[in-house]
Amino acid sequence: MTNVIWNNLGNGLWRRKFCTALIYGAIFWLVFFWTVPVGFISSLIALQNIAKVVPFLEPVLNYSAFVRGIIEGFLASVVLWVFFAVLPLILEKLTGLKEYLPRVEWTNLY
């Protein structure tokens, strides 16, 4: 049988319930409190903060406010796009850690 994960058969009821609650809690935090990582990422991608870490970008701070605004806006969009592109992969891995759903079912959901 290819639809059975044999290693999971030895897991007890309380372990499955604990893993399920843990994963649901993690998904809740990732979905509903996404503003914390988005705010953290947004604060990191400000040009002043990047120039502190990467000193060779300090000449960019001397550009006009218009050019700096375009760079910061584009950079923020790209970084947040990458973050939201990776978020479903994290959620998929967390769903797979519940350990009682057959792998065939959760890989075929997409």
N, C-alpha and C. Protein backbone atom coordinates (compact mmCIF):
# COMPACT_ATOMS: atom_id res chain seq x y z
N MET A 1 0.85 -1.18 0.00
CA MET A 1 0.00 0.00 0.00
C MET A 1 0.89 1.23 0.00
N THR A 2 0.68 2.10 -0.95
CA THR A 2 1.49 3.30 -1.04
C THR A 2 0.84 4.48 -0.32
N ASN A 3 -0.39 4.33 0.11
CA ASN A 3 -1.11 5.43 0.73
C ASN A 3 -0.96 5.44 2.25
N VAL A 4 -0.17 4.53 2.80
CA VAL A 4 0.00 4.42 4.25
C VAL A 4 1.42 4.85 4.60
N ILE A 5 1.52 5.74 5.58
CA ILE A 5 2.84 6.11 6.11
C ILE A 5 3.05 5.24 7.34
N TRP A 6 3.82 4.16 7.17
CA TRP A 6 3.95 3.14 8.19
C TRP A 6 4.59 3.67 9.46
N ASN A 7 5.47 4.65 9.35
CA ASN A 7 6.11 5.20 10.55
C ASN A 7 5.11 5.91 11.46
N ASN A 8 4.01 6.37 10.92
CA ASN A 8 3.04 7.11 11.72
C ASN A 8 2.06 6.22 12.47
N LEU A 9 2.06 4.94 12.18
CA LEU A 9 1.10 4.06 12.83
C LEU A 9 1.39 3.88 14.32
N GLY A 10 2.64 4.06 14.71
CA GLY A 10 3.00 3.91 16.12
C GLY A 10 2.73 5.15 16.96
N ASN A 11 2.34 6.24 16.34
CA ASN A 11 2.07 7.47 17.09
C ASN A 11 0.75 7.36 17.83
N GLY A 12 0.77 7.77 19.08
CA GLY A 12 -0.43 7.69 19.89
C GLY A 12 -1.39 8.83 19.61
N LEU A 13 -2.55 8.72 20.21
CA LEU A 13 -3.60 9.72 20.01
C LEU A 13 -3.17 11.08 20.53
N TRP A 14 -2.55 11.14 21.69
CA TRP A 14 -2.17 12.42 22.27
C TRP A 14 -1.07 13.10 21.47
N ARG A 15 -0.17 12.32 20.93
CA ARG A 15 0.87 12.92 20.09
C ARG A 15 0.28 13.52 18.82
N ARG A 16 -0.66 12.80 18.20
CA ARG A 16 -1.31 13.32 17.01
C ARG A 16 -2.10 14.59 17.32
N LYS A 17 -2.81 14.59 18.45
CA LYS A 17 -3.57 15.78 18.84
C LYS A 17 -2.63 16.95 19.13
N PHE A 18 -1.52 16.68 19.81
CA PHE A 18 -0.55 17.73 20.11
C PHE A 18 0.05 18.29 18.83
N CYS A 19 0.45 17.42 17.91
CA CYS A 19 1.02 17.88 16.64
C CYS A 19 0.00 18.68 15.84
N THR A 20 -1.24 18.23 15.83
CA THR A 20 -2.28 18.94 15.11
C THR A 20 -2.50 20.33 15.71
N ALA A 21 -2.59 20.41 17.04
CA ALA A 21 -2.78 21.70 17.69
C ALA A 21 -1.58 22.62 17.46
N LEU A 22 -0.39 22.06 17.49
CA LEU A 22 0.82 22.84 17.26
C LEU A 22 0.85 23.40 15.84
N ILE A 23 0.52 22.58 14.87
CA ILE A 23 0.53 23.02 13.48
C ILE A 23 -0.58 24.03 13.24
N TYR A 24 -1.78 23.79 13.77
CA TYR A 24 -2.85 24.77 13.62
C TYR A 24 -2.48 26.09 14.26
N GLY A 25 -1.82 26.05 15.40
CA GLY A 25 -1.36 27.28 16.05
C GLY A 25 -0.35 28.02 15.19
N ALA A 26 0.60 27.30 14.61
CA ALA A 26 1.60 27.92 13.76
C ALA A 26 0.97 28.53 12.51
N ILE A 27 0.01 27.83 11.92
CA ILE A 27 -0.68 28.36 10.75
C ILE A 27 -1.48 29.60 11.12
N PHE A 28 -2.13 29.58 12.28
CA PHE A 28 -2.85 30.74 12.76
C PHE A 28 -1.93 31.94 12.88
N TRP A 29 -0.78 31.76 13.49
CA TRP A 29 0.17 32.85 13.65
C TRP A 29 0.69 33.33 12.30
N LEU A 30 0.95 32.43 11.38
CA LEU A 30 1.46 32.84 10.07
C LEU A 30 0.42 33.58 9.25
N VAL A 31 -0.83 33.17 9.34
CA VAL A 31 -1.86 33.78 8.50
C VAL A 31 -2.39 35.08 9.11
N PHE A 32 -2.73 35.06 10.39
CA PHE A 32 -3.39 36.22 10.98
C PHE A 32 -2.42 37.27 11.53
N PHE A 33 -1.24 36.90 11.82
CA PHE A 33 -0.29 37.86 12.35
C PHE A 33 0.86 38.09 11.38
N TRP A 34 0.53 38.10 10.12
CA TRP A 34 1.54 38.31 9.09
C TRP A 34 2.05 39.73 9.09
N THR A 35 1.38 40.63 9.76
CA THR A 35 1.83 42.02 9.78
C THR A 35 3.16 42.18 10.50
N VAL A 36 3.44 41.33 11.47
CA VAL A 36 4.72 41.43 12.18
C VAL A 36 5.90 41.15 11.24
N PRO A 37 5.91 40.01 10.51
CA PRO A 37 7.04 39.82 9.60
C PRO A 37 7.06 40.83 8.45
N VAL A 38 5.88 41.25 7.98
CA VAL A 38 5.85 42.23 6.91
C VAL A 38 6.40 43.57 7.41
N GLY A 39 6.02 43.97 8.60
CA GLY A 39 6.56 45.21 9.18
C GLY A 39 8.05 45.11 9.42
N PHE A 40 8.51 43.95 9.89
CA PHE A 40 9.94 43.75 10.12
C PHE A 40 10.70 43.83 8.80
N ILE A 41 10.20 43.17 7.79
CA ILE A 41 10.86 43.20 6.47
C ILE A 41 10.84 44.62 5.91
N SER A 42 9.72 45.31 6.07
CA SER A 42 9.63 46.68 5.56
C SER A 42 10.60 47.61 6.26
N SER A 43 10.81 47.39 7.55
CA SER A 43 11.77 48.26 8.25
C SER A 43 13.20 47.95 7.84
N LEU A 44 13.47 46.72 7.46
CA LEU A 44 14.83 46.37 7.04
C LEU A 44 15.17 46.90 5.66
N ILE A 45 14.17 47.07 4.81
CA ILE A 45 14.48 47.44 3.44
C ILE A 45 14.48 48.94 3.20
N ALA A 46 14.38 49.74 4.26
CA ALA A 46 14.54 51.19 4.10
C ALA A 46 16.01 51.45 3.72
N LEU A 47 16.22 52.37 2.82
CA LEU A 47 17.58 52.62 2.32
C LEU A 47 18.55 53.03 3.42
N GLN A 48 18.08 53.78 4.41
CA GLN A 48 18.96 54.18 5.50
C GLN A 48 19.44 52.96 6.28
N ASN A 49 18.56 51.99 6.51
CA ASN A 49 18.95 50.79 7.25
C ASN A 49 19.88 49.89 6.41
N ILE A 50 19.62 49.81 5.13
CA ILE A 50 20.48 49.00 4.26
C ILE A 50 21.86 49.63 4.17
N ALA A 51 21.93 50.95 4.11
CA ALA A 51 23.22 51.63 4.00
C ALA A 51 24.05 51.44 5.26
N LYS A 52 23.42 51.26 6.42
CA LYS A 52 24.17 51.00 7.65
C LYS A 52 24.85 49.64 7.59
N VAL A 53 24.18 48.67 7.00
CA VAL A 53 24.72 47.32 6.93
C VAL A 53 25.66 47.17 5.74
N VAL A 54 25.30 47.76 4.62
CA VAL A 54 26.09 47.64 3.39
C VAL A 54 26.61 49.04 3.05
N PRO A 55 27.83 49.38 3.49
CA PRO A 55 28.31 50.76 3.35
C PRO A 55 28.49 51.24 1.91
N PHE A 56 28.71 50.35 0.95
CA PHE A 56 28.92 50.81 -0.42
C PHE A 56 27.65 51.35 -1.06
N LEU A 57 26.50 51.24 -0.39
CA LEU A 57 25.26 51.79 -0.91
C LEU A 57 24.98 53.20 -0.39
N GLU A 58 25.89 53.77 0.39
CA GLU A 58 25.68 55.12 0.91
C GLU A 58 25.53 56.18 -0.17
N PRO A 59 26.20 56.09 -1.32
CA PRO A 59 25.96 57.10 -2.36
C PRO A 59 24.51 57.14 -2.86
N VAL A 60 23.79 56.05 -2.72
CA VAL A 60 22.38 56.03 -3.14
C VAL A 60 21.56 56.99 -2.28
N LEU A 61 21.98 57.21 -1.03
CA LEU A 61 21.26 58.12 -0.15
C LEU A 61 21.33 59.57 -0.63
N ASN A 62 22.31 59.89 -1.47
CA ASN A 62 22.47 61.25 -1.98
C ASN A 62 21.62 61.52 -3.23
N TYR A 63 20.95 60.51 -3.75
CA TYR A 63 20.08 60.70 -4.90
C TYR A 63 18.89 61.56 -4.49
N SER A 64 18.15 62.03 -5.46
CA SER A 64 16.97 62.85 -5.15
C SER A 64 15.92 62.00 -4.43
N ALA A 65 15.02 62.69 -3.77
CA ALA A 65 13.97 62.00 -3.02
C ALA A 65 13.09 61.17 -3.95
N PHE A 66 12.89 61.64 -5.16
CA PHE A 66 12.08 60.92 -6.14
C PHE A 66 12.71 59.57 -6.48
N VAL A 67 14.02 59.58 -6.78
CA VAL A 67 14.72 58.34 -7.15
C VAL A 67 14.78 57.39 -5.95
N ARG A 68 15.06 57.93 -4.76
CA ARG A 68 15.09 57.07 -3.56
C ARG A 68 13.72 56.44 -3.32
N GLY A 69 12.66 57.21 -3.56
CA GLY A 69 11.30 56.68 -3.38
C GLY A 69 11.00 55.55 -4.35
N ILE A 70 11.45 55.72 -5.59
CA ILE A 70 11.24 54.65 -6.57
C ILE A 70 12.01 53.39 -6.17
N ILE A 71 13.26 53.57 -5.74
CA ILE A 71 14.07 52.41 -5.35
C ILE A 71 13.47 51.72 -4.14
N GLU A 72 13.09 52.49 -3.12
CA GLU A 72 12.50 51.88 -1.92
C GLU A 72 11.17 51.19 -2.24
N GLY A 73 10.36 51.82 -3.08
CA GLY A 73 9.08 51.21 -3.44
C GLY A 73 9.25 49.91 -4.21
N PHE A 74 10.16 49.91 -5.16
CA PHE A 74 10.42 48.70 -5.94
C PHE A 74 11.02 47.61 -5.07
N LEU A 75 11.98 47.98 -4.23
CA LEU A 75 12.63 47.02 -3.35
C LEU A 75 11.65 46.41 -2.37
N ALA A 76 10.77 47.25 -1.81
CA ALA A 76 9.77 46.74 -0.87
C ALA A 76 8.84 45.75 -1.56
N SER A 77 8.42 46.07 -2.78
CA SER A 77 7.52 45.17 -3.50
C SER A 77 8.18 43.83 -3.80
N VAL A 78 9.43 43.86 -4.20
CA VAL A 78 10.14 42.62 -4.55
C VAL A 78 10.35 41.76 -3.30
N VAL A 79 10.79 42.37 -2.21
CA VAL A 79 11.05 41.60 -1.00
C VAL A 79 9.76 41.00 -0.45
N LEU A 80 8.69 41.77 -0.42
CA LEU A 80 7.42 41.23 0.07
C LEU A 80 6.85 40.18 -0.88
N TRP A 81 7.07 40.33 -2.17
CA TRP A 81 6.64 39.32 -3.13
C TRP A 81 7.36 38.00 -2.87
N VAL A 82 8.66 38.06 -2.63
CA VAL A 82 9.43 36.85 -2.32
C VAL A 82 8.94 36.23 -1.02
N PHE A 83 8.68 37.06 -0.01
CA PHE A 83 8.19 36.53 1.27
C PHE A 83 6.86 35.81 1.07
N PHE A 84 5.95 36.41 0.33
CA PHE A 84 4.65 35.77 0.12
C PHE A 84 4.74 34.59 -0.85
N ALA A 85 5.77 34.53 -1.66
CA ALA A 85 5.97 33.35 -2.51
C ALA A 85 6.47 32.17 -1.68
N VAL A 86 7.22 32.44 -0.64
CA VAL A 86 7.77 31.38 0.21
C VAL A 86 6.76 30.93 1.26
N LEU A 87 5.84 31.80 1.64
CA LEU A 87 4.86 31.48 2.69
C LEU A 87 4.03 30.22 2.39
N PRO A 88 3.52 29.99 1.18
CA PRO A 88 2.79 28.73 0.93
C PRO A 88 3.67 27.48 1.10
N LEU A 89 4.94 27.60 0.77
CA LEU A 89 5.83 26.45 0.97
C LEU A 89 5.98 26.13 2.45
N ILE A 90 6.08 27.17 3.27
CA ILE A 90 6.18 26.96 4.72
C ILE A 90 4.88 26.33 5.23
N LEU A 91 3.75 26.84 4.78
CA LEU A 91 2.47 26.29 5.22
C LEU A 91 2.30 24.84 4.77
N GLU A 92 2.77 24.51 3.58
CA GLU A 92 2.67 23.13 3.10
C GLU A 92 3.52 22.20 3.96
N LYS A 93 4.72 22.64 4.30
CA LYS A 93 5.59 21.81 5.15
C LYS A 93 4.98 21.63 6.53
N LEU A 94 4.39 22.69 7.08
CA LEU A 94 3.75 22.58 8.39
C LEU A 94 2.56 21.64 8.34
N THR A 95 1.80 21.68 7.26
CA THR A 95 0.67 20.78 7.12
C THR A 95 1.15 19.33 7.04
N GLY A 96 2.28 19.10 6.39
CA GLY A 96 2.82 17.75 6.29
C GLY A 96 3.35 17.23 7.61
N LEU A 97 3.65 18.11 8.54
CA LEU A 97 4.17 17.68 9.84
C LEU A 97 3.09 17.16 10.78
N LYS A 98 1.82 17.28 10.39
CA LYS A 98 0.75 16.79 11.25
C LYS A 98 0.84 15.28 11.42
N GLU A 99 1.45 14.59 10.49
CA GLU A 99 1.83 13.18 10.57
C GLU A 99 0.71 12.17 10.47
N TYR A 100 -0.50 12.57 10.26
CA TYR A 100 -1.52 11.54 10.10
C TYR A 100 -2.25 11.64 8.78
N LEU A 101 -2.07 12.71 8.05
CA LEU A 101 -2.66 12.83 6.73
C LEU A 101 -1.74 12.15 5.73
N PRO A 102 -2.24 11.22 4.94
CA PRO A 102 -1.39 10.56 3.96
C PRO A 102 -0.77 11.56 3.00
N ARG A 103 0.48 11.35 2.68
CA ARG A 103 1.22 12.27 1.83
C ARG A 103 0.54 12.43 0.46
N VAL A 104 -0.08 11.38 -0.02
CA VAL A 104 -0.74 11.45 -1.32
C VAL A 104 -1.86 12.49 -1.29
N GLU A 105 -2.57 12.58 -0.19
CA GLU A 105 -3.70 13.51 -0.11
C GLU A 105 -3.23 14.96 -0.08
N TRP A 106 -2.20 15.27 0.72
CA TRP A 106 -1.82 16.69 0.82
C TRP A 106 -0.94 17.14 -0.32
N THR A 107 -0.34 16.26 -1.08
CA THR A 107 0.40 16.71 -2.26
C THR A 107 -0.53 16.87 -3.45
N ASN A 108 -1.67 16.20 -3.43
CA ASN A 108 -2.62 16.32 -4.54
C ASN A 108 -3.63 17.43 -4.33
N LEU A 109 -3.53 18.17 -3.23
CA LEU A 109 -4.45 19.27 -2.99
C LEU A 109 -4.23 20.40 -3.98
N TYR A 110 -3.06 20.48 -4.57
CA TYR A 110 -2.75 21.57 -5.48
C TYR A 110 -2.94 21.09 -6.88
